[in-house]
Amino acid sequence: MTENLPDNAIPPYAILSHRWENDDQEVTYGDMVKGLGRDKAGYDKVKFCGEQATRDGLQYFWVDSYCIDKSNDGEHQKAIHSMFHWYRRASRCYVYLSDVSVSPCDNNDMQRWELNFRNSKWFTRGWTLQELLAPTSVEFFSRNRARLGDKGSLQRQIQEKTGIDIRALQGERLTHFSINERFSWMERRQTTLEEDKAYSLLGIFDVYIPIRYSEGMVNAVKRLEDEINKQTKCIQDLRVTDPRDDKKRIKDTKGGLLVDLYH
């Protein structure tokens, strides 16, 4: 376990995206400190992440259940606000789909596992939305560690399942998508704690609000919307027009860009 690395000296690392299935079976920070947790079902995910990182030439990996001290309220709050940033900075994000099983003979036959992939509960969870969008490299693995593909090769299936614009899956800046569209990506997702439905969107809107787990979802969403509106108004006050609209208008008026101009 590595602690307190300066922000400008963090080495390349892998990060795990997974669905919390049973809190009693997830390996926690407390387990790690005490050298426990190897008998828990969730330990297989931690072990998989470390072994896959090693295969990919990475010496470090990060798992939320294992690395966040949730008994420390300050650290927990910081983690929630930093999570999107941590996923974005990861060299690789491994998605562990515990409800998708692939036999060796099925691994190269997408038709055999595609339905299970689309029906995975991972796509229904609130926090996994940012884990899908933030990293550049997102790779999907079955319960038995078979690699199913990545965010690029499976973008059609992901887009059809989630309704997320393919441009967002390809890494286009999330500010290029409307506020309503980004909110719509969360509509069919659920969180264990109702307030997390708002908190898991903080990175997607790049805003900050204090975490208050006793406030209820309605108040959490309202505070989120207020902060988004405040930020939007600030940007509008700084410019008379949207530069993206100006760029499009100029291109359309002048007949478009010259061939190979990008090069």
Protein backbone atom coordinates (compact mmCIF):
# COMPACT_ATOMS: atom_id res chain seq x y z
CA MET A 1 0.00 0.00 0.00
CA THR A 2 1.42 3.39 -1.01
CA GLU A 3 0.28 6.51 0.82
CA ASN A 4 0.59 10.27 0.43
CA LEU A 5 2.20 10.43 -2.99
CA PRO A 6 2.51 14.04 -4.19
CA ASP A 7 0.07 14.86 -6.98
CA ASN A 8 2.88 15.55 -9.44
CA ALA A 9 4.64 12.25 -8.75
CA ILE A 10 1.86 9.68 -9.06
CA PRO A 11 3.11 6.71 -11.15
CA PRO A 12 1.03 5.03 -13.87
CA TYR A 13 -1.67 2.86 -12.32
CA ALA A 14 -4.67 0.66 -13.13
CA ILE A 15 -8.05 1.17 -11.50
CA LEU A 16 -10.93 -1.25 -10.93
CA SER A 17 -14.57 -0.56 -11.71
CA HIS A 18 -16.93 -3.05 -10.14
CA ARG A 19 -20.38 -3.41 -8.67
CA TRP A 20 -20.66 -3.63 -4.89
CA GLU A 21 -22.74 -6.75 -4.31
CA ASN A 22 -22.53 -7.36 -0.57
CA ASP A 23 -20.78 -5.00 1.85
CA ASP A 24 -19.89 -7.91 4.12
CA GLN A 25 -18.00 -9.58 1.27
CA GLU A 26 -16.08 -6.54 -0.01
CA VAL A 27 -12.46 -6.21 1.07
CA THR A 28 -12.17 -2.96 3.01
CA TYR A 29 -9.35 -0.62 3.98
CA GLY A 30 -9.69 -1.94 7.53
CA ASP A 31 -9.18 -5.49 6.26
CA MET A 32 -6.06 -4.42 4.42
CA VAL A 33 -4.57 -2.74 7.49
CA LYS A 34 -5.22 -5.84 9.59
CA GLY A 35 -4.07 -8.27 6.89
CA LEU A 36 -7.56 -9.77 6.59
CA GLY A 37 -10.13 -10.21 3.84
CA ARG A 38 -8.63 -13.01 1.76
CA ASP A 39 -11.58 -15.24 2.63
CA LYS A 40 -14.12 -12.72 1.32
CA ALA A 41 -15.72 -13.13 -2.11
CA GLY A 42 -14.61 -9.60 -3.06
CA TYR A 43 -10.95 -10.54 -2.69
CA ASP A 44 -11.04 -12.25 -6.09
CA LYS A 45 -11.68 -8.86 -7.73
CA VAL A 46 -8.76 -7.24 -5.92
CA LYS A 47 -6.48 -10.14 -6.86
CA PHE A 48 -7.64 -10.00 -10.47
CA CYS A 49 -6.94 -6.27 -10.70
CA GLY A 50 -3.41 -6.67 -9.34
CA GLU A 51 -2.60 -9.59 -11.62
CA GLN A 52 -4.03 -7.87 -14.71
CA ALA A 53 -2.09 -4.70 -13.90
CA THR A 54 1.08 -6.78 -13.70
CA ARG A 55 0.35 -8.33 -17.09
CA ASP A 56 -0.06 -4.81 -18.49
CA GLY A 57 3.28 -3.69 -17.06
CA LEU A 58 1.84 -1.55 -14.25
CA GLN A 59 3.24 -1.67 -10.73
CA TYR A 60 0.32 0.08 -9.06
CA PHE A 61 -3.43 -0.41 -8.96
CA TRP A 62 -6.32 1.16 -7.05
CA VAL A 63 -9.61 -0.34 -5.83
CA ASP A 64 -12.17 1.89 -4.09
CA SER A 65 -13.38 -0.64 -1.49
CA TYR A 66 -9.78 -1.52 -0.60
CA CYS A 67 -8.13 1.90 -0.66
CA ILE A 68 -10.66 4.33 0.87
CA ASP A 69 -10.89 4.54 4.65
CA LYS A 70 -14.65 5.08 4.91
CA SER A 71 -14.39 5.32 8.71
CA ASN A 72 -12.54 8.61 8.19
CA ASP A 73 -15.22 11.11 7.16
CA GLY A 74 -12.72 13.63 5.80
CA GLU A 75 -10.99 11.05 3.64
CA HIS A 76 -14.32 9.67 2.45
CA GLN A 77 -15.54 13.12 1.37
CA LYS A 78 -12.25 13.84 -0.40
CA ALA A 79 -12.50 10.51 -2.22
CA ILE A 80 -16.01 11.25 -3.49
CA HIS A 81 -14.90 14.62 -4.87
CA SER A 82 -11.71 13.17 -6.35
CA MET A 83 -13.08 9.94 -7.80
CA PHE A 84 -13.73 11.22 -11.32
CA HIS A 85 -10.22 12.70 -11.43
CA TRP A 86 -8.67 9.43 -10.23
CA TYR A 87 -10.46 7.41 -12.89
CA ARG A 88 -9.52 9.94 -15.56
CA ARG A 89 -5.82 9.75 -14.65
CA ALA A 90 -5.70 5.94 -14.66
CA SER A 91 -3.63 4.30 -17.39
CA ARG A 92 -6.18 1.49 -17.57
CA CYS A 93 -9.60 0.89 -16.08
CA TYR A 94 -10.69 -2.73 -15.68
CA VAL A 95 -14.43 -3.36 -15.46
CA TYR A 96 -15.15 -6.57 -13.57
CA LEU A 97 -18.57 -7.95 -14.56
CA SER A 98 -19.42 -10.45 -11.84
CA ASP A 99 -22.69 -11.46 -13.53
CA VAL A 100 -21.17 -12.24 -16.95
CA SER A 101 -19.58 -15.67 -17.31
CA VAL A 102 -17.73 -16.73 -20.44
CA SER A 103 -16.34 -20.18 -21.12
CA PRO A 104 -13.10 -20.52 -23.13
CA CYS A 105 -15.01 -21.72 -26.18
CA ASP A 106 -17.36 -18.70 -26.00
CA ASN A 107 -14.69 -16.03 -25.63
CA ASN A 108 -14.30 -15.46 -29.36
CA ASP A 109 -18.02 -15.74 -30.10
CA MET A 110 -19.66 -12.46 -29.10
CA GLN A 111 -23.16 -13.76 -29.83
CA ARG A 112 -22.78 -16.21 -26.96
CA TRP A 113 -22.15 -13.57 -24.29
CA GLU A 114 -23.39 -10.27 -25.74
CA LEU A 115 -26.88 -10.55 -24.19
CA ASN A 116 -25.41 -11.20 -20.75
CA PHE A 117 -23.07 -8.25 -21.28
CA ARG A 118 -25.95 -5.91 -22.13
CA ASN A 119 -27.95 -7.19 -19.14
CA SER A 120 -25.14 -6.81 -16.63
CA LYS A 121 -26.20 -4.92 -13.51
CA TRP A 122 -22.99 -2.90 -13.82
CA PHE A 123 -24.85 -0.72 -16.34
CA THR A 124 -27.59 0.03 -13.79
CA ARG A 125 -25.41 1.47 -11.04
CA GLY A 126 -24.92 5.19 -10.48
CA TRP A 127 -21.20 5.34 -9.73
CA THR A 128 -20.24 3.24 -12.74
CA LEU A 129 -21.39 6.04 -15.07
CA GLN A 130 -18.34 8.16 -14.31
CA GLU A 131 -16.18 5.04 -14.34
CA LEU A 132 -17.30 4.44 -17.92
CA LEU A 133 -16.77 8.02 -19.10
CA ALA A 134 -13.73 9.32 -17.22
CA PRO A 135 -10.91 6.92 -18.25
CA THR A 136 -9.46 6.81 -21.74
CA SER A 137 -8.89 3.05 -21.53
CA VAL A 138 -11.83 0.98 -20.26
CA GLU A 139 -11.59 -2.82 -20.62
CA PHE A 140 -14.37 -5.29 -19.79
CA PHE A 141 -13.75 -8.67 -18.16
CA SER A 142 -16.10 -11.50 -17.26
CA ARG A 143 -16.36 -13.13 -13.85
CA ASN A 144 -13.85 -15.75 -14.95
CA ARG A 145 -11.44 -13.04 -16.17
CA ALA A 146 -12.03 -13.42 -19.90
CA ARG A 147 -11.42 -10.13 -21.71
CA LEU A 148 -14.57 -9.19 -23.62
CA GLY A 149 -13.36 -6.01 -25.29
CA ASP A 150 -12.95 -2.34 -24.50
CA LYS A 151 -14.91 0.90 -24.67
CA GLY A 152 -13.97 1.24 -28.33
CA SER A 153 -14.69 -2.24 -29.63
CA LEU A 154 -17.96 -2.45 -27.65
CA GLN A 155 -19.13 1.13 -28.17
CA ARG A 156 -22.20 0.14 -30.18
CA GLN A 157 -23.45 -2.24 -27.50
CA ILE A 158 -22.69 0.30 -24.76
CA GLN A 159 -24.43 3.13 -26.63
CA GLU A 160 -27.54 1.05 -27.26
CA LYS A 161 -27.65 -0.08 -23.63
CA THR A 162 -26.96 3.28 -21.96
CA GLY A 163 -28.19 5.85 -24.49
CA ILE A 164 -24.90 7.73 -24.11
CA ASP A 165 -23.74 9.54 -27.23
CA ILE A 166 -20.88 7.65 -28.89
CA ARG A 167 -18.86 10.87 -28.98
CA ALA A 168 -18.86 10.88 -25.17
CA LEU A 169 -17.68 7.26 -25.15
CA GLN A 170 -14.90 8.24 -27.54
CA GLY A 171 -13.61 10.88 -25.15
CA GLU A 172 -15.18 14.12 -26.34
CA ARG A 173 -15.28 16.77 -23.61
CA LEU A 174 -18.41 16.33 -21.50
CA THR A 175 -19.04 20.08 -21.56
CA HIS A 176 -19.92 19.63 -25.25
CA PHE A 177 -23.10 17.83 -24.16
CA SER A 178 -26.07 19.69 -22.72
CA ILE A 179 -26.92 19.65 -19.03
CA ASN A 180 -30.17 17.80 -19.71
CA GLU A 181 -28.42 15.18 -21.81
CA ARG A 182 -25.86 14.48 -19.10
CA PHE A 183 -28.62 14.19 -16.49
CA SER A 184 -30.45 11.74 -18.77
CA TRP A 185 -27.48 9.35 -18.61
CA MET A 186 -28.29 8.81 -14.91
CA GLU A 187 -32.06 8.38 -15.22
CA ARG A 188 -32.15 4.58 -15.33
CA ARG A 189 -29.36 4.07 -12.79
CA GLN A 190 -29.66 3.39 -9.09
CA THR A 191 -27.48 3.95 -6.02
CA THR A 192 -27.59 2.31 -2.61
CA LEU A 193 -27.66 5.68 -0.85
CA GLU A 194 -30.19 7.98 -2.49
CA GLU A 195 -27.96 11.08 -2.26
CA ASP A 196 -25.29 9.32 -4.31
CA LYS A 197 -27.46 9.72 -7.40
CA ALA A 198 -26.48 13.40 -7.25
CA TYR A 199 -22.96 13.01 -5.83
CA SER A 200 -21.93 10.54 -8.54
CA LEU A 201 -22.56 13.32 -11.11
CA LEU A 202 -20.15 15.83 -9.56
CA GLY A 203 -17.26 14.89 -11.83
CA ILE A 204 -19.45 14.70 -14.92
CA PHE A 205 -20.50 18.32 -14.35
CA ASP A 206 -17.13 19.35 -12.86
CA VAL A 207 -18.72 21.03 -9.83
CA TYR A 208 -18.19 20.89 -6.08
CA ILE A 209 -20.83 20.66 -3.34
CA PRO A 210 -20.36 19.49 0.26
CA ILE A 211 -21.44 15.89 0.92
CA ARG A 212 -24.42 15.57 3.29
CA TYR A 213 -25.72 12.03 3.48
CA SER A 214 -28.70 12.96 5.66
CA GLU A 215 -30.21 15.48 3.24
CA GLY A 216 -32.13 13.13 0.90
CA MET A 217 -31.96 12.89 -2.88
CA VAL A 218 -34.25 15.86 -3.64
CA ASN A 219 -32.09 18.30 -1.70
CA ALA A 220 -28.86 16.81 -3.05
CA VAL A 221 -30.07 17.15 -6.66
CA LYS A 222 -31.28 20.70 -6.01
CA ARG A 223 -27.90 21.75 -4.62
CA LEU A 224 -26.22 20.11 -7.60
CA GLU A 225 -28.49 21.94 -10.04
CA ASP A 226 -27.94 25.25 -8.23
CA GLU A 227 -24.17 24.85 -8.51
CA ILE A 228 -24.41 23.92 -12.20
CA ASN A 229 -26.61 26.96 -12.88
CA LYS A 230 -24.23 29.22 -10.97
CA GLN A 231 -21.30 27.94 -13.03
CA THR A 232 -23.24 28.24 -16.30
CA LYS A 233 -24.24 31.84 -15.52
CA CYS A 234 -20.64 32.71 -14.70
CA ILE A 235 -19.48 31.39 -18.08
CA GLN A 236 -22.28 33.26 -19.86
CA ASP A 237 -21.29 36.50 -18.13
CA LEU A 238 -17.70 36.09 -19.33
CA ARG A 239 -18.60 35.90 -23.02
CA VAL A 240 -21.22 37.44 -25.26
CA THR A 241 -21.38 34.40 -27.55
CA ASP A 242 -20.32 30.77 -27.40
CA PRO A 243 -16.94 30.34 -29.20
CA ARG A 244 -18.10 26.96 -30.51
CA ASP A 245 -21.06 28.64 -32.22
CA ASP A 246 -18.73 31.30 -33.63
CA LYS A 247 -16.40 28.64 -35.01
CA LYS A 248 -19.25 26.78 -36.70
CA ARG A 249 -20.67 30.01 -38.15
CA ILE A 250 -17.29 31.01 -39.61
CA LYS A 251 -16.73 27.56 -41.11
CA ASP A 252 -20.22 27.52 -42.65
CA THR A 253 -19.89 31.08 -43.98
CA LYS A 254 -16.44 30.54 -45.47
CA GLY A 255 -17.27 27.18 -47.05
CA GLY A 256 -15.56 24.87 -44.56
CA LEU A 257 -11.92 24.01 -43.87
CA LEU A 258 -9.30 23.38 -46.54
CA VAL A 259 -8.57 19.73 -47.29
CA ASP A 260 -5.79 18.37 -45.02
CA LEU A 261 -5.70 21.60 -43.06
CA TYR A 262 -5.59 19.61 -39.81
CA HIS A 263 -2.21 18.18 -40.86
